Amino acid sequence: MTPPPYGQPAPAANDKTTLWGVLGIVFAFCCTPLAIVFAILSLLEARKVGKQPTLAFVSFGIIAVLLIVQIIFYSTGGYDSITGN
C-alpha cells in the first residue's frame, strides 16, 4: 500500500486494535474488570488482523501491577488508615 500523494490527507483507518488497547490502558486505572475485557479484545483483534498486540500486553502489565499493589495495600491495612477504621 502506497502512501497518499503529498498534500492529500490519508484515508481514515479502522484500527480497533489500537482503540481497544488504549481503552484497556485507560480503564486499568479506574475499572479493572472493564480493562481486562478491553485488553482481551485488543489481543483478539490484533491476532485477527495480523498486527503486534503491544498495547494489549501493556494493558495486561498495568492491570497486573495495579492488582498486586492493591492486594499489598489492603493486606497491610493501608485501606483502614484511609477510612479511619
PDB file of N, CA and C in Angstrom:
ATOM      1  N   MET A   1       0.841  -1.168   0.000  1.00  0.00           N
ATOM      2  CA  MET A   1       0.000   0.000   0.000  1.00  0.00           C
ATOM      3  C   MET A   1       0.889   1.235   0.000  1.00  0.00           C
ATOM      4  N   THR A   2       0.675   2.099  -0.948  1.00  0.00           N
ATOM      5  CA  THR A   2       1.479   3.301  -1.063  1.00  0.00           C
ATOM      6  C   THR A   2       0.821   4.444  -0.291  1.00  0.00           C
ATOM      7  N   PRO A   3       1.623   5.341   0.252  1.00  0.00           N
ATOM      8  CA  PRO A   3       1.045   6.478   0.971  1.00  0.00           C
ATOM      9  C   PRO A   3       0.360   7.421  -0.004  1.00  0.00           C
ATOM     10  N   PRO A   4      -0.558   8.253   0.478  1.00  0.00           N
ATOM     11  CA  PRO A   4      -1.239   9.194  -0.409  1.00  0.00           C
ATOM     12  C   PRO A   4      -0.266  10.253  -0.921  1.00  0.00           C
ATOM     13  N   PRO A   5      -0.559  10.850  -2.070  1.00  0.00           N
ATOM     14  CA  PRO A   5       0.310  11.905  -2.599  1.00  0.00           C
ATOM     15  C   PRO A   5       0.452  13.054  -1.601  1.00  0.00           C
ATOM     16  N   TYR A   6       1.550  13.775  -1.734  1.00  0.00           N
ATOM     17  CA  TYR A   6       1.844  14.892  -0.828  1.00  0.00           C
ATOM     18  C   TYR A   6       0.730  15.919  -0.868  1.00  0.00           C
ATOM     19  N   GLY A   7       0.299  16.365   0.313  1.00  0.00           N
ATOM     20  CA  GLY A   7      -0.721  17.397   0.391  1.00  0.00           C
ATOM     21  C   GLY A   7      -2.125  16.852   0.526  1.00  0.00           C
ATOM     22  N   GLN A   8      -2.314  15.557   0.351  1.00  0.00           N
ATOM     23  CA  GLN A   8      -3.647  14.986   0.485  1.00  0.00           C
ATOM     24  C   GLN A   8      -3.724  14.219   1.808  1.00  0.00           C
ATOM     25  N   PRO A   9      -4.852  14.311   2.484  1.00  0.00           N
ATOM     26  CA  PRO A   9      -4.968  13.612   3.766  1.00  0.00           C
ATOM     27  C   PRO A   9      -5.011  12.098   3.568  1.00  0.00           C
ATOM     28  N   ALA A  10      -4.503  11.405   4.547  1.00  0.00           N
ATOM     29  CA  ALA A  10      -4.532   9.946   4.500  1.00  0.00           C
ATOM     30  C   ALA A  10      -5.961   9.472   4.759  1.00  0.00           C
ATOM     31  N   PRO A  11      -6.350   8.350   4.176  1.00  0.00           N
ATOM     32  CA  PRO A  11      -7.698   7.839   4.437  1.00  0.00           C
ATOM     33  C   PRO A  11      -7.844   7.414   5.896  1.00  0.00           C
ATOM     34  N   ALA A  12      -9.046   7.550   6.408  1.00  0.00           N
ATOM     35  CA  ALA A  12      -9.304   7.181   7.805  1.00  0.00           C
ATOM     36  C   ALA A  12      -9.139   5.679   7.975  1.00  0.00           C
ATOM     37  N   ALA A  13      -8.461   5.298   9.031  1.00  0.00           N
ATOM     38  CA  ALA A  13      -8.221   3.884   9.294  1.00  0.00           C
ATOM     39  C   ALA A  13      -9.223   3.367  10.317  1.00  0.00           C
ATOM     40  N   ASN A  14      -9.575   2.117  10.180  1.00  0.00           N
ATOM     41  CA  ASN A  14     -10.456   1.461  11.137  1.00  0.00           C
ATOM     42  C   ASN A  14      -9.580   0.552  11.984  1.00  0.00           C
ATOM     43  N   ASP A  15      -8.923   1.141  12.980  1.00  0.00           N
ATOM     44  CA  ASP A  15      -7.940   0.415  13.772  1.00  0.00           C
ATOM     45  C   ASP A  15      -8.497   0.093  15.151  1.00  0.00           C
ATOM     46  N   LYS A  16      -9.190  -1.026  15.239  1.00  0.00           N
ATOM     47  CA  LYS A  16      -9.795  -1.418  16.506  1.00  0.00           C
ATOM     48  C   LYS A  16      -8.755  -1.927  17.495  1.00  0.00           C
ATOM     49  N   THR A  17      -7.640  -2.434  16.988  1.00  0.00           N
ATOM     50  CA  THR A  17      -6.597  -2.936  17.886  1.00  0.00           C
ATOM     51  C   THR A  17      -6.078  -1.819  18.782  1.00  0.00           C
ATOM     52  N   THR A  18      -5.780  -0.679  18.191  1.00  0.00           N
ATOM     53  CA  THR A  18      -5.290   0.460  18.964  1.00  0.00           C
ATOM     54  C   THR A  18      -6.376   0.996  19.890  1.00  0.00           C
ATOM     55  N   LEU A  19      -7.594   1.068  19.399  1.00  0.00           N
ATOM     56  CA  LEU A  19      -8.700   1.563  20.210  1.00  0.00           C
ATOM     57  C   LEU A  19      -8.874   0.717  21.462  1.00  0.00           C
ATOM     58  N   TRP A  20      -8.975  -0.599  21.305  1.00  0.00           N
ATOM     59  CA  TRP A  20      -9.171  -1.471  22.464  1.00  0.00           C
ATOM     60  C   TRP A  20      -7.966  -1.415  23.402  1.00  0.00           C
ATOM     61  N   GLY A  21      -6.775  -1.343  22.855  1.00  0.00           N
ATOM     62  CA  GLY A  21      -5.577  -1.284  23.685  1.00  0.00           C
ATOM     63  C   GLY A  21      -5.507  -0.029  24.524  1.00  0.00           C
ATOM     64  N   VAL A  22      -5.811   1.105  23.915  1.00  0.00           N
ATOM     65  CA  VAL A  22      -5.788   2.370  24.652  1.00  0.00           C
ATOM     66  C   VAL A  22      -6.889   2.390  25.708  1.00  0.00           C
ATOM     67  N   LEU A  23      -8.061   1.885  25.369  1.00  0.00           N
ATOM     68  CA  LEU A  23      -9.134   1.820  26.362  1.00  0.00           C
ATOM     69  C   LEU A  23      -8.758   0.890  27.515  1.00  0.00           C
ATOM     70  N   GLY A  24      -8.060  -0.198  27.204  1.00  0.00           N
ATOM     71  CA  GLY A  24      -7.597  -1.101  28.252  1.00  0.00           C
ATOM     72  C   GLY A  24      -6.628  -0.415  29.204  1.00  0.00           C
ATOM     73  N   ILE A  25      -5.731   0.385  28.661  1.00  0.00           N
ATOM     74  CA  ILE A  25      -4.770   1.111  29.494  1.00  0.00           C
ATOM     75  C   ILE A  25      -5.478   2.160  30.347  1.00  0.00           C
ATOM     76  N   VAL A  26      -6.392   2.904  29.759  1.00  0.00           N
ATOM     77  CA  VAL A  26      -7.091   3.959  30.491  1.00  0.00           C
ATOM     78  C   VAL A  26      -7.936   3.366  31.616  1.00  0.00           C
ATOM     79  N   PHE A  27      -8.699   2.318  31.307  1.00  0.00           N
ATOM     80  CA  PHE A  27      -9.583   1.742  32.313  1.00  0.00           C
ATOM     81  C   PHE A  27      -8.837   0.895  33.341  1.00  0.00           C
ATOM     82  N   ALA A  28      -7.569   0.596  33.118  1.00  0.00           N
ATOM     83  CA  ALA A  28      -6.792  -0.145  34.111  1.00  0.00           C
ATOM     84  C   ALA A  28      -6.668   0.650  35.399  1.00  0.00           C
ATOM     85  N   PHE A  29      -6.730   1.966  35.319  1.00  0.00           N
ATOM     86  CA  PHE A  29      -6.566   2.814  36.484  1.00  0.00           C
ATOM     87  C   PHE A  29      -7.863   3.051  37.252  1.00  0.00           C
ATOM     88  N   CYS A  30      -9.015   2.731  36.661  1.00  0.00           N
ATOM     89  CA  CYS A  30     -10.266   3.031  37.363  1.00  0.00           C
ATOM     90  C   CYS A  30     -11.248   1.868  37.403  1.00  0.00           C
ATOM     91  N   CYS A  31     -11.201   0.960  36.453  1.00  0.00           N
ATOM     92  CA  CYS A  31     -12.183  -0.125  36.401  1.00  0.00           C
ATOM     93  C   CYS A  31     -11.495  -1.376  35.834  1.00  0.00           C
ATOM     94  N   THR A  32     -10.911  -2.150  36.724  1.00  0.00           N
ATOM     95  CA  THR A  32     -10.092  -3.292  36.310  1.00  0.00           C
ATOM     96  C   THR A  32     -10.846  -4.323  35.460  1.00  0.00           C
ATOM     97  N   PRO A  33     -12.073  -4.732  35.834  1.00  0.00           N
ATOM     98  CA  PRO A  33     -12.761  -5.729  35.000  1.00  0.00           C
ATOM     99  C   PRO A  33     -12.979  -5.255  33.563  1.00  0.00           C
ATOM    100  N   LEU A  34     -13.331  -3.994  33.415  1.00  0.00           N
ATOM    101  CA  LEU A  34     -13.533  -3.449  32.072  1.00  0.00           C
ATOM    102  C   LEU A  34     -12.212  -3.372  31.313  1.00  0.00           C
ATOM    103  N   ALA A  35     -11.138  -3.055  32.007  1.00  0.00           N
ATOM    104  CA  ALA A  35      -9.817  -3.009  31.382  1.00  0.00           C
ATOM    105  C   ALA A  35      -9.407  -4.385  30.869  1.00  0.00           C
ATOM    106  N   ILE A  36      -9.712  -5.425  31.639  1.00  0.00           N
ATOM    107  CA  ILE A  36      -9.391  -6.793  31.205  1.00  0.00           C
ATOM    108  C   ILE A  36     -10.151  -7.129  29.931  1.00  0.00           C
ATOM    109  N   VAL A  37     -11.419  -6.744  29.871  1.00  0.00           N
ATOM    110  CA  VAL A  37     -12.223  -7.000  28.668  1.00  0.00           C
ATOM    111  C   VAL A  37     -11.617  -6.283  27.467  1.00  0.00           C
ATOM    112  N   PHE A  38     -11.257  -5.010  27.619  1.00  0.00           N
ATOM    113  CA  PHE A  38     -10.685  -4.254  26.506  1.00  0.00           C
ATOM    114  C   PHE A  38      -9.327  -4.817  26.083  1.00  0.00           C
ATOM    115  N   ALA A  39      -8.522  -5.255  27.031  1.00  0.00           N
ATOM    116  CA  ALA A  39      -7.216  -5.833  26.694  1.00  0.00           C
ATOM    117  C   ALA A  39      -7.389  -7.129  25.917  1.00  0.00           C
ATOM    118  N   ILE A  40      -8.361  -7.948  26.314  1.00  0.00           N
ATOM    119  CA  ILE A  40      -8.625  -9.192  25.587  1.00  0.00           C
ATOM    120  C   ILE A  40      -9.124  -8.887  24.180  1.00  0.00           C
ATOM    121  N   LEU A  41     -10.009  -7.900  24.049  1.00  0.00           N
ATOM    122  CA  LEU A  41     -10.491  -7.513  22.715  1.00  0.00           C
ATOM    123  C   LEU A  41      -9.340  -7.023  21.837  1.00  0.00           C
ATOM    124  N   SER A  42      -8.427  -6.262  22.412  1.00  0.00           N
ATOM    125  CA  SER A  42      -7.269  -5.784  21.664  1.00  0.00           C
ATOM    126  C   SER A  42      -6.393  -6.951  21.199  1.00  0.00           C
ATOM    127  N   LEU A  43      -6.183  -7.900  22.087  1.00  0.00           N
ATOM    128  CA  LEU A  43      -5.366  -9.067  21.744  1.00  0.00           C
ATOM    129  C   LEU A  43      -6.011  -9.886  20.632  1.00  0.00           C
ATOM    130  N   LEU A  44      -7.302 -10.131  20.737  1.00  0.00           N
ATOM    131  CA  LEU A  44      -8.004 -10.914  19.717  1.00  0.00           C
ATOM    132  C   LEU A  44      -8.036 -10.198  18.371  1.00  0.00           C
ATOM    133  N   GLU A  45      -8.268  -8.886  18.397  1.00  0.00           N
ATOM    134  CA  GLU A  45      -8.301  -8.113  17.149  1.00  0.00           C
ATOM    135  C   GLU A  45      -6.918  -8.083  16.491  1.00  0.00           C
ATOM    136  N   ALA A  46      -5.869  -7.950  17.292  1.00  0.00           N
ATOM    137  CA  ALA A  46      -4.509  -7.934  16.742  1.00  0.00           C
ATOM    138  C   ALA A  46      -4.184  -9.264  16.080  1.00  0.00           C
ATOM    139  N   ARG A  47      -4.572 -10.344  16.705  1.00  0.00           N
ATOM    140  CA  ARG A  47      -4.323 -11.663  16.105  1.00  0.00           C
ATOM    141  C   ARG A  47      -5.124 -11.849  14.823  1.00  0.00           C
ATOM    142  N   LYS A  48      -6.345 -11.300  14.799  1.00  0.00           N
ATOM    143  CA  LYS A  48      -7.205 -11.458  13.623  1.00  0.00           C
ATOM    144  C   LYS A  48      -6.649 -10.721  12.410  1.00  0.00           C
ATOM    145  N   VAL A  49      -6.122  -9.513  12.633  1.00  0.00           N
ATOM    146  CA  VAL A  49      -5.633  -8.716  11.508  1.00  0.00           C
ATOM    147  C   VAL A  49      -4.136  -8.849  11.295  1.00  0.00           C
ATOM    148  N   GLY A  50      -3.457  -9.598  12.170  1.00  0.00           N
ATOM    149  CA  GLY A  50      -2.029  -9.836  11.989  1.00  0.00           C
ATOM    150  C   GLY A  50      -1.134  -8.704  12.472  1.00  0.00           C
ATOM    151  N   LYS A  51      -1.590  -7.907  13.429  1.00  0.00           N
ATOM    152  CA  LYS A  51      -0.778  -6.827  13.983  1.00  0.00           C
ATOM    153  C   LYS A  51      -0.116  -7.283  15.271  1.00  0.00           C
ATOM    154  N   GLN A  52       0.854  -6.508  15.727  1.00  0.00           N
ATOM    155  CA  GLN A  52       1.503  -6.780  17.005  1.00  0.00           C
ATOM    156  C   GLN A  52       0.564  -6.366  18.144  1.00  0.00           C
ATOM    157  N   PRO A  53       0.351  -7.230  19.127  1.00  0.00           N
ATOM    158  CA  PRO A  53      -0.557  -6.887  20.238  1.00  0.00           C
ATOM    159  C   PRO A  53       0.141  -6.149  21.381  1.00  0.00           C
ATOM    160  N   THR A  54       0.964  -5.178  21.051  1.00  0.00           N
ATOM    161  CA  THR A  54       1.763  -4.471  22.051  1.00  0.00           C
ATOM    162  C   THR A  54       0.896  -3.775  23.094  1.00  0.00           C
ATOM    163  N   LEU A  55      -0.134  -3.047  22.655  1.00  0.00           N
ATOM    164  CA  LEU A  55      -0.976  -2.326  23.609  1.00  0.00           C
ATOM    165  C   LEU A  55      -1.754  -3.278  24.503  1.00  0.00           C
ATOM    166  N   ALA A  56      -2.120  -4.439  23.990  1.00  0.00           N
ATOM    167  CA  ALA A  56      -2.802  -5.435  24.823  1.00  0.00           C
ATOM    168  C   ALA A  56      -1.864  -5.912  25.922  1.00  0.00           C
ATOM    169  N   PHE A  57      -0.615  -6.164  25.578  1.00  0.00           N
ATOM    170  CA  PHE A  57       0.352  -6.616  26.579  1.00  0.00           C
ATOM    171  C   PHE A  57       0.649  -5.519  27.601  1.00  0.00           C
ATOM    172  N   VAL A  58       0.706  -4.274  27.151  1.00  0.00           N
ATOM    173  CA  VAL A  58       0.905  -3.155  28.079  1.00  0.00           C
ATOM    174  C   VAL A  58      -0.283  -3.068  29.033  1.00  0.00           C
ATOM    175  N   SER A  59      -1.489  -3.236  28.504  1.00  0.00           N
ATOM    176  CA  SER A  59      -2.687  -3.208  29.345  1.00  0.00           C
ATOM    177  C   SER A  59      -2.637  -4.308  30.392  1.00  0.00           C
ATOM    178  N   PHE A  60      -2.311  -5.521  29.966  1.00  0.00           N
ATOM    179  CA  PHE A  60      -2.229  -6.633  30.916  1.00  0.00           C
ATOM    180  C   PHE A  60      -1.158  -6.371  31.974  1.00  0.00           C
ATOM    181  N   GLY A  61      -0.050  -5.788  31.584  1.00  0.00           N
ATOM    182  CA  GLY A  61       1.015  -5.480  32.531  1.00  0.00           C
ATOM    183  C   GLY A  61       0.589  -4.461  33.571  1.00  0.00           C
ATOM    184  N   ILE A  62      -0.055  -3.390  33.124  1.00  0.00           N
ATOM    185  CA  ILE A  62      -0.527  -2.367  34.056  1.00  0.00           C
ATOM    186  C   ILE A  62      -1.579  -2.945  34.992  1.00  0.00           C
ATOM    187  N   ILE A  63      -2.484  -3.747  34.451  1.00  0.00           N
ATOM    188  CA  ILE A  63      -3.518  -4.372  35.277  1.00  0.00           C
ATOM    189  C   ILE A  63      -2.877  -5.249  36.344  1.00  0.00           C
ATOM    190  N   ALA A  64      -1.895  -6.051  35.959  1.00  0.00           N
ATOM    191  CA  ALA A  64      -1.236  -6.951  36.916  1.00  0.00           C
ATOM    192  C   ALA A  64      -0.524  -6.178  38.018  1.00  0.00           C
ATOM    193  N   VAL A  65       0.210  -5.142  37.629  1.00  0.00           N
ATOM    194  CA  VAL A  65       0.939  -4.345  38.628  1.00  0.00           C
ATOM    195  C   VAL A  65      -0.028  -3.665  39.585  1.00  0.00           C
ATOM    196  N   LEU A  66      -1.094  -3.074  39.061  1.00  0.00           N
ATOM    197  CA  LEU A  66      -2.050  -2.390  39.924  1.00  0.00           C
ATOM    198  C   LEU A  66      -2.795  -3.360  40.833  1.00  0.00           C
ATOM    199  N   LEU A  67      -3.098  -4.560  40.350  1.00  0.00           N
ATOM    200  CA  LEU A  67      -3.740  -5.553  41.213  1.00  0.00           C
ATOM    201  C   LEU A  67      -2.814  -5.982  42.347  1.00  0.00           C
ATOM    202  N   ILE A  68      -1.546  -6.166  42.049  1.00  0.00           N
ATOM    203  CA  ILE A  68      -0.584  -6.532  43.093  1.00  0.00           C
ATOM    204  C   ILE A  68      -0.454  -5.414  44.119  1.00  0.00           C
ATOM    205  N   VAL A  69      -0.398  -4.168  43.649  1.00  0.00           N
ATOM    206  CA  VAL A  69      -0.316  -3.029  44.565  1.00  0.00           C
ATOM    207  C   VAL A  69      -1.568  -2.961  45.441  1.00  0.00           C
ATOM    208  N   GLN A  70      -2.734  -3.196  44.867  1.00  0.00           N
ATOM    209  CA  GLN A  70      -3.967  -3.174  45.649  1.00  0.00           C
ATOM    210  C   GLN A  70      -3.989  -4.293  46.692  1.00  0.00           C
ATOM    211  N   ILE A  71      -3.555  -5.471  46.319  1.00  0.00           N
ATOM    212  CA  ILE A  71      -3.518  -6.588  47.264  1.00  0.00           C
ATOM    213  C   ILE A  71      -2.582  -6.262  48.426  1.00  0.00           C
ATOM    214  N   ILE A  72      -1.418  -5.731  48.119  1.00  0.00           N
ATOM    215  CA  ILE A  72      -0.472  -5.357  49.177  1.00  0.00           C
ATOM    216  C   ILE A  72      -1.063  -4.252  50.049  1.00  0.00           C
ATOM    217  N   PHE A  73      -1.687  -3.279  49.421  1.00  0.00           N
ATOM    218  CA  PHE A  73      -2.270  -2.150  50.153  1.00  0.00           C
ATOM    219  C   PHE A  73      -3.349  -2.622  51.122  1.00  0.00           C
ATOM    220  N   TYR A  74      -4.244  -3.484  50.645  1.00  0.00           N
ATOM    221  CA  TYR A  74      -5.322  -3.980  51.507  1.00  0.00           C
ATOM    222  C   TYR A  74      -4.809  -4.919  52.592  1.00  0.00           C
ATOM    223  N   SER A  75      -3.834  -5.753  52.268  1.00  0.00           N
ATOM    224  CA  SER A  75      -3.353  -6.728  53.256  1.00  0.00           C
ATOM    225  C   SER A  75      -2.510  -6.084  54.359  1.00  0.00           C
ATOM    226  N   THR A  76      -1.901  -4.952  54.097  1.00  0.00           N
ATOM    227  CA  THR A  76      -1.101  -4.285  55.122  1.00  0.00           C
ATOM    228  C   THR A  76      -1.913  -3.301  55.954  1.00  0.00           C
ATOM    229  N   GLY A  77      -3.187  -3.170  55.659  1.00  0.00           N
ATOM    230  CA  GLY A  77      -4.040  -2.276  56.436  1.00  0.00           C
ATOM    231  C   GLY A  77      -4.023  -0.850  55.950  1.00  0.00           C
ATOM    232  N   GLY A  78      -3.517  -0.592  54.794  1.00  0.00           N
ATOM    233  CA  GLY A  78      -3.479   0.764  54.248  1.00  0.00           C
ATOM    234  C   GLY A  78      -4.862   1.328  54.014  1.00  0.00           C
ATOM    235  N   TYR A  79      -5.795   0.489  53.676  1.00  0.00           N
ATOM    236  CA  TYR A  79      -7.171   0.951  53.443  1.00  0.00           C
ATOM    237  C   TYR A  79      -7.811   1.404  54.753  1.00  0.00           C
ATOM    238  N   ASP A  80      -7.490   0.724  55.852  1.00  0.00           N
ATOM    239  CA  ASP A  80      -8.057   1.097  57.149  1.00  0.00           C
ATOM    240  C   ASP A  80      -7.598   2.478  57.593  1.00  0.00           C
ATOM    241  N   SER A  81      -6.370   2.844  57.274  1.00  0.00           N
ATOM    242  CA  SER A  81      -5.878   4.162  57.684  1.00  0.00           C
ATOM    243  C   SER A  81      -6.534   5.283  56.902  1.00  0.00           C
ATOM    244  N   ILE A  82      -7.014   4.988  55.708  1.00  0.00           N
ATOM    245  CA  ILE A  82      -7.700   6.000  54.907  1.00  0.00           C
ATOM    246  C   ILE A  82      -9.123   6.207  55.404  1.00  0.00           C
ATOM    247  N   THR A  83      -9.805   5.111  55.713  1.00  0.00           N
ATOM    248  CA  THR A  83     -11.208   5.221  56.119  1.00  0.00           C
ATOM    249  C   THR A  83     -11.356   5.553  57.596  1.00  0.00           C
ATOM    250  N   GLY A  84     -10.297   5.423  58.378  1.00  0.00           N
ATOM    251  CA  GLY A  84     -10.344   5.747  59.792  1.00  0.00           C
ATOM    252  C   GLY A  84     -10.862   4.613  60.657  1.00  0.00           C
ATOM    253  N   ASN A  85     -10.916   3.409  60.118  1.00  0.00           N
ATOM    254  CA  ASN A  85     -11.388   2.252  60.917  1.00  0.00           C
ATOM    255  C   ASN A  85     -10.262   1.600  61.653  1.00  0.00           C
TER     256      ASN A  85
END
